[in-house]
Amino acid sequence: MSVQLKNSGDILIAFLSGEIDHHAAAEMRFFIDGELERSMPKLIVFDFSGVEFMDSSGIGLVLGRIRVISGWGGKAAIENPRPLIRKMLSLAGLQKLIR
């Protein structure tokens, strides 16, 4: 599990990699939430290009961060999911966030 954050003012990009399961999602959540609360961006972008596997914990990770950022009117987007991850995100109703 790995997450790298790039903050450019109004946009926070979370580059996710590895496998996102319950344990990894909890660590990512802690790391991302700290930066969200510190910088309060208008947009968070989840870059899934490095994610090899994800279970429902990954969906929860995204949904929870959407809840956090929407508290101050922010939005979320998802980029570069692999085909299987894209399918999981779509089944969870998050296809509108994929760009």
N, C-alpha and C. Protein backbone atom coordinates (compact mmCIF):
# COMPACT_ATOMS: atom_id res chain seq x y z
N MET A 1 0.84 -1.17 0.00
CA MET A 1 0.00 0.00 0.00
C MET A 1 0.88 1.23 0.00
N SER A 2 0.48 2.17 -0.81
CA SER A 2 1.20 3.42 -0.85
C SER A 2 0.27 4.52 -1.33
N VAL A 3 0.45 5.68 -0.77
CA VAL A 3 -0.26 6.86 -1.26
C VAL A 3 0.72 8.02 -1.21
N GLN A 4 0.79 8.72 -2.33
CA GLN A 4 1.60 9.93 -2.43
C GLN A 4 0.64 11.07 -2.72
N LEU A 5 0.82 12.18 -2.04
CA LEU A 5 -0.07 13.32 -2.23
C LEU A 5 0.66 14.46 -2.91
N LYS A 6 -0.05 15.10 -3.82
CA LYS A 6 0.47 16.30 -4.48
C LYS A 6 -0.58 17.38 -4.30
N ASN A 7 -0.21 18.44 -3.62
CA ASN A 7 -1.13 19.52 -3.35
C ASN A 7 -0.74 20.74 -4.16
N SER A 8 -1.66 21.19 -5.00
CA SER A 8 -1.39 22.39 -5.79
C SER A 8 -2.44 23.45 -5.50
N GLY A 9 -2.62 23.74 -4.24
CA GLY A 9 -3.58 24.77 -3.84
C GLY A 9 -4.99 24.25 -3.76
N ASP A 10 -5.76 24.45 -4.82
CA ASP A 10 -7.16 24.05 -4.83
C ASP A 10 -7.37 22.59 -5.18
N ILE A 11 -6.31 21.91 -5.62
CA ILE A 11 -6.43 20.51 -6.04
C ILE A 11 -5.45 19.64 -5.26
N LEU A 12 -5.99 18.56 -4.70
CA LEU A 12 -5.16 17.57 -4.02
C LEU A 12 -5.25 16.29 -4.83
N ILE A 13 -4.10 15.79 -5.29
CA ILE A 13 -4.06 14.54 -6.04
C ILE A 13 -3.48 13.46 -5.14
N ALA A 14 -4.22 12.36 -5.01
CA ALA A 14 -3.77 11.21 -4.23
C ALA A 14 -3.40 10.10 -5.20
N PHE A 15 -2.12 9.83 -5.33
CA PHE A 15 -1.63 8.76 -6.19
C PHE A 15 -1.61 7.48 -5.37
N LEU A 16 -2.55 6.59 -5.65
CA LEU A 16 -2.69 5.35 -4.90
C LEU A 16 -1.95 4.24 -5.62
N SER A 17 -1.37 3.31 -4.86
CA SER A 17 -0.70 2.19 -5.50
C SER A 17 -0.74 0.96 -4.59
N GLY A 18 -0.51 -0.18 -5.21
CA GLY A 18 -0.50 -1.44 -4.47
C GLY A 18 -1.89 -2.04 -4.37
N GLU A 19 -2.14 -2.70 -3.25
CA GLU A 19 -3.42 -3.35 -3.01
C GLU A 19 -4.17 -2.59 -1.92
N ILE A 20 -5.44 -2.31 -2.19
CA ILE A 20 -6.26 -1.61 -1.21
C ILE A 20 -7.23 -2.60 -0.58
N ASP A 21 -6.90 -3.00 0.64
CA ASP A 21 -7.78 -3.84 1.43
C ASP A 21 -8.11 -3.07 2.70
N HIS A 22 -8.74 -3.72 3.66
CA HIS A 22 -9.17 -3.04 4.89
C HIS A 22 -8.02 -2.34 5.60
N HIS A 23 -6.92 -3.04 5.77
CA HIS A 23 -5.76 -2.47 6.49
C HIS A 23 -5.15 -1.30 5.72
N ALA A 24 -4.93 -1.48 4.43
CA ALA A 24 -4.32 -0.43 3.62
C ALA A 24 -5.22 0.79 3.54
N ALA A 25 -6.53 0.57 3.38
CA ALA A 25 -7.48 1.68 3.29
C ALA A 25 -7.46 2.52 4.56
N ALA A 26 -7.34 1.88 5.72
CA ALA A 26 -7.30 2.62 6.99
C ALA A 26 -6.07 3.53 7.05
N GLU A 27 -4.93 3.03 6.60
CA GLU A 27 -3.71 3.85 6.59
C GLU A 27 -3.84 5.00 5.59
N MET A 28 -4.35 4.70 4.41
CA MET A 28 -4.54 5.75 3.39
C MET A 28 -5.49 6.82 3.88
N ARG A 29 -6.57 6.39 4.50
CA ARG A 29 -7.60 7.31 5.02
C ARG A 29 -6.97 8.29 6.01
N PHE A 30 -6.18 7.78 6.93
CA PHE A 30 -5.52 8.63 7.93
C PHE A 30 -4.63 9.67 7.26
N PHE A 31 -3.84 9.23 6.31
CA PHE A 31 -2.89 10.10 5.61
C PHE A 31 -3.61 11.16 4.78
N ILE A 32 -4.61 10.74 4.00
CA ILE A 32 -5.35 11.66 3.13
C ILE A 32 -6.17 12.65 3.94
N ASP A 33 -6.87 12.16 4.98
CA ASP A 33 -7.71 13.05 5.78
C ASP A 33 -6.90 14.17 6.44
N GLY A 34 -5.70 13.86 6.88
CA GLY A 34 -4.85 14.88 7.48
C GLY A 34 -4.59 16.02 6.51
N GLU A 35 -4.27 15.66 5.27
CA GLU A 35 -3.99 16.69 4.26
C GLU A 35 -5.27 17.41 3.85
N LEU A 36 -6.37 16.69 3.74
CA LEU A 36 -7.65 17.34 3.40
C LEU A 36 -8.01 18.41 4.42
N GLU A 37 -7.93 18.05 5.68
CA GLU A 37 -8.30 18.99 6.74
C GLU A 37 -7.32 20.16 6.84
N ARG A 38 -6.07 19.92 6.51
CA ARG A 38 -5.07 20.98 6.57
C ARG A 38 -5.24 21.98 5.43
N SER A 39 -5.46 21.48 4.21
CA SER A 39 -5.47 22.36 3.04
C SER A 39 -6.86 22.71 2.51
N MET A 40 -7.87 21.91 2.85
CA MET A 40 -9.24 22.13 2.41
C MET A 40 -9.34 22.47 0.91
N PRO A 41 -8.89 21.56 0.03
CA PRO A 41 -8.92 21.82 -1.42
C PRO A 41 -10.35 21.81 -1.96
N LYS A 42 -10.50 22.35 -3.15
CA LYS A 42 -11.80 22.34 -3.82
C LYS A 42 -12.04 21.04 -4.57
N LEU A 43 -10.96 20.32 -4.85
CA LEU A 43 -11.05 19.08 -5.60
C LEU A 43 -10.02 18.08 -5.09
N ILE A 44 -10.44 16.85 -4.89
CA ILE A 44 -9.50 15.76 -4.64
C ILE A 44 -9.60 14.80 -5.83
N VAL A 45 -8.45 14.44 -6.37
CA VAL A 45 -8.37 13.51 -7.49
C VAL A 45 -7.68 12.25 -6.99
N PHE A 46 -8.35 11.11 -7.16
CA PHE A 46 -7.77 9.82 -6.81
C PHE A 46 -7.20 9.21 -8.09
N ASP A 47 -5.89 9.08 -8.16
CA ASP A 47 -5.25 8.46 -9.32
C ASP A 47 -5.01 6.98 -8.99
N PHE A 48 -5.77 6.12 -9.66
CA PHE A 48 -5.73 4.68 -9.39
C PHE A 48 -4.76 3.93 -10.31
N SER A 49 -3.91 4.63 -11.04
CA SER A 49 -3.05 3.96 -12.02
C SER A 49 -2.15 2.90 -11.41
N GLY A 50 -1.77 3.04 -10.15
CA GLY A 50 -0.88 2.08 -9.52
C GLY A 50 -1.58 1.03 -8.67
N VAL A 51 -2.91 1.02 -8.68
CA VAL A 51 -3.65 0.07 -7.85
C VAL A 51 -3.82 -1.24 -8.60
N GLU A 52 -3.32 -2.32 -8.02
CA GLU A 52 -3.37 -3.64 -8.64
C GLU A 52 -4.58 -4.45 -8.19
N PHE A 53 -5.04 -4.20 -6.97
CA PHE A 53 -6.17 -4.93 -6.40
C PHE A 53 -6.90 -4.01 -5.44
N MET A 54 -8.22 -4.17 -5.39
CA MET A 54 -9.01 -3.38 -4.46
C MET A 54 -10.25 -4.18 -4.08
N ASP A 55 -10.58 -4.18 -2.79
CA ASP A 55 -11.84 -4.77 -2.38
C ASP A 55 -12.79 -3.63 -2.01
N SER A 56 -13.87 -3.93 -1.34
CA SER A 56 -14.86 -2.90 -1.02
C SER A 56 -14.30 -1.80 -0.12
N SER A 57 -13.20 -2.06 0.53
CA SER A 57 -12.57 -1.03 1.36
C SER A 57 -12.10 0.16 0.53
N GLY A 58 -11.73 -0.10 -0.71
CA GLY A 58 -11.34 0.99 -1.62
C GLY A 58 -12.52 1.88 -1.95
N ILE A 59 -13.69 1.26 -2.13
CA ILE A 59 -14.91 2.04 -2.38
C ILE A 59 -15.19 2.91 -1.15
N GLY A 60 -15.08 2.32 0.03
CA GLY A 60 -15.30 3.07 1.26
C GLY A 60 -14.32 4.22 1.43
N LEU A 61 -13.08 3.98 1.02
CA LEU A 61 -12.06 5.03 1.08
C LEU A 61 -12.49 6.24 0.26
N VAL A 62 -12.92 6.00 -0.97
CA VAL A 62 -13.34 7.09 -1.86
C VAL A 62 -14.59 7.76 -1.30
N LEU A 63 -15.61 6.98 -0.94
CA LEU A 63 -16.86 7.56 -0.45
C LEU A 63 -16.66 8.39 0.81
N GLY A 64 -15.82 7.91 1.70
CA GLY A 64 -15.55 8.66 2.92
C GLY A 64 -14.87 9.98 2.67
N ARG A 65 -13.94 10.00 1.72
CA ARG A 65 -13.24 11.25 1.40
C ARG A 65 -14.19 12.21 0.70
N ILE A 66 -15.12 11.68 -0.10
CA ILE A 66 -16.13 12.54 -0.72
C ILE A 66 -16.97 13.21 0.37
N ARG A 67 -17.33 12.45 1.37
CA ARG A 67 -18.11 13.01 2.48
C ARG A 67 -17.33 14.12 3.18
N VAL A 68 -16.04 13.90 3.41
CA VAL A 68 -15.21 14.90 4.08
C VAL A 68 -15.14 16.18 3.25
N ILE A 69 -14.77 16.06 1.98
CA ILE A 69 -14.54 17.25 1.16
C ILE A 69 -15.84 17.99 0.82
N SER A 70 -16.95 17.25 0.76
CA SER A 70 -18.21 17.92 0.47
C SER A 70 -18.66 18.79 1.64
N GLY A 71 -18.08 18.58 2.80
CA GLY A 71 -18.37 19.41 3.97
C GLY A 71 -18.07 20.88 3.75
N TRP A 72 -17.15 21.20 2.87
CA TRP A 72 -16.85 22.59 2.55
C TRP A 72 -17.08 22.89 1.07
N GLY A 73 -17.91 22.06 0.43
CA GLY A 73 -18.29 22.32 -0.96
C GLY A 73 -17.33 21.78 -2.00
N GLY A 74 -16.40 20.93 -1.60
CA GLY A 74 -15.43 20.37 -2.53
C GLY A 74 -16.00 19.20 -3.33
N LYS A 75 -15.25 18.80 -4.35
CA LYS A 75 -15.65 17.72 -5.25
C LYS A 75 -14.54 16.67 -5.32
N ALA A 76 -14.86 15.55 -5.96
CA ALA A 76 -13.89 14.47 -6.13
C ALA A 76 -13.92 13.96 -7.56
N ALA A 77 -12.78 13.41 -7.98
CA ALA A 77 -12.67 12.79 -9.31
C ALA A 77 -11.75 11.59 -9.19
N ILE A 78 -11.93 10.66 -10.14
CA ILE A 78 -11.11 9.45 -10.19
C ILE A 78 -10.45 9.37 -11.56
N GLU A 79 -9.16 9.07 -11.58
CA GLU A 79 -8.42 8.96 -12.83
C GLU A 79 -7.70 7.62 -12.91
N ASN A 80 -7.55 7.14 -14.12
CA ASN A 80 -6.70 6.01 -14.48
C ASN A 80 -6.96 4.68 -13.78
N PRO A 81 -8.23 4.32 -13.54
CA PRO A 81 -8.44 3.00 -12.95
C PRO A 81 -8.22 1.90 -13.98
N ARG A 82 -7.65 0.79 -13.58
CA ARG A 82 -7.53 -0.38 -14.46
C ARG A 82 -8.93 -0.93 -14.72
N PRO A 83 -9.11 -1.72 -15.77
CA PRO A 83 -10.46 -2.19 -16.14
C PRO A 83 -11.26 -2.83 -15.01
N LEU A 84 -10.66 -3.71 -14.23
CA LEU A 84 -11.40 -4.35 -13.15
C LEU A 84 -11.77 -3.35 -12.05
N ILE A 85 -10.87 -2.45 -11.75
CA ILE A 85 -11.15 -1.41 -10.75
C ILE A 85 -12.24 -0.48 -11.26
N ARG A 86 -12.19 -0.13 -12.56
CA ARG A 86 -13.22 0.72 -13.17
C ARG A 86 -14.58 0.05 -13.02
N LYS A 87 -14.64 -1.25 -13.26
CA LYS A 87 -15.90 -1.98 -13.14
C LYS A 87 -16.42 -1.93 -11.71
N MET A 88 -15.55 -2.13 -10.73
CA MET A 88 -15.96 -2.07 -9.33
C MET A 88 -16.49 -0.68 -8.97
N LEU A 89 -15.79 0.35 -9.42
CA LEU A 89 -16.22 1.72 -9.15
C LEU A 89 -17.57 2.01 -9.79
N SER A 90 -17.76 1.52 -11.01
CA SER A 90 -19.03 1.72 -11.71
C SER A 90 -20.16 0.99 -10.99
N LEU A 91 -19.92 -0.24 -10.56
CA LEU A 91 -20.95 -0.99 -9.83
C LEU A 91 -21.34 -0.31 -8.52
N ALA A 92 -20.41 0.44 -7.95
CA ALA A 92 -20.68 1.17 -6.71
C ALA A 92 -21.34 2.52 -6.99
N GLY A 93 -21.58 2.83 -8.27
CA GLY A 93 -22.25 4.09 -8.61
C GLY A 93 -21.31 5.28 -8.72
N LEU A 94 -20.01 5.02 -8.83
CA LEU A 94 -19.04 6.11 -8.88
C LEU A 94 -18.54 6.42 -10.28
N GLN A 95 -19.19 5.84 -11.31
CA GLN A 95 -18.73 6.06 -12.68
C GLN A 95 -18.73 7.53 -13.09
N LYS A 96 -19.62 8.31 -12.51
CA LYS A 96 -19.69 9.73 -12.87
C LYS A 96 -18.45 10.50 -12.42
N LEU A 97 -17.67 9.93 -11.50
CA LEU A 97 -16.46 10.58 -11.03
C LEU A 97 -15.24 10.23 -11.86
N ILE A 98 -15.34 9.16 -12.68
CA ILE A 98 -14.20 8.72 -13.47
C ILE A 98 -14.02 9.63 -14.66
N ARG A 99 -12.78 10.12 -14.82
CA ARG A 99 -12.50 10.98 -15.97
C ARG A 99 -11.27 10.52 -16.69
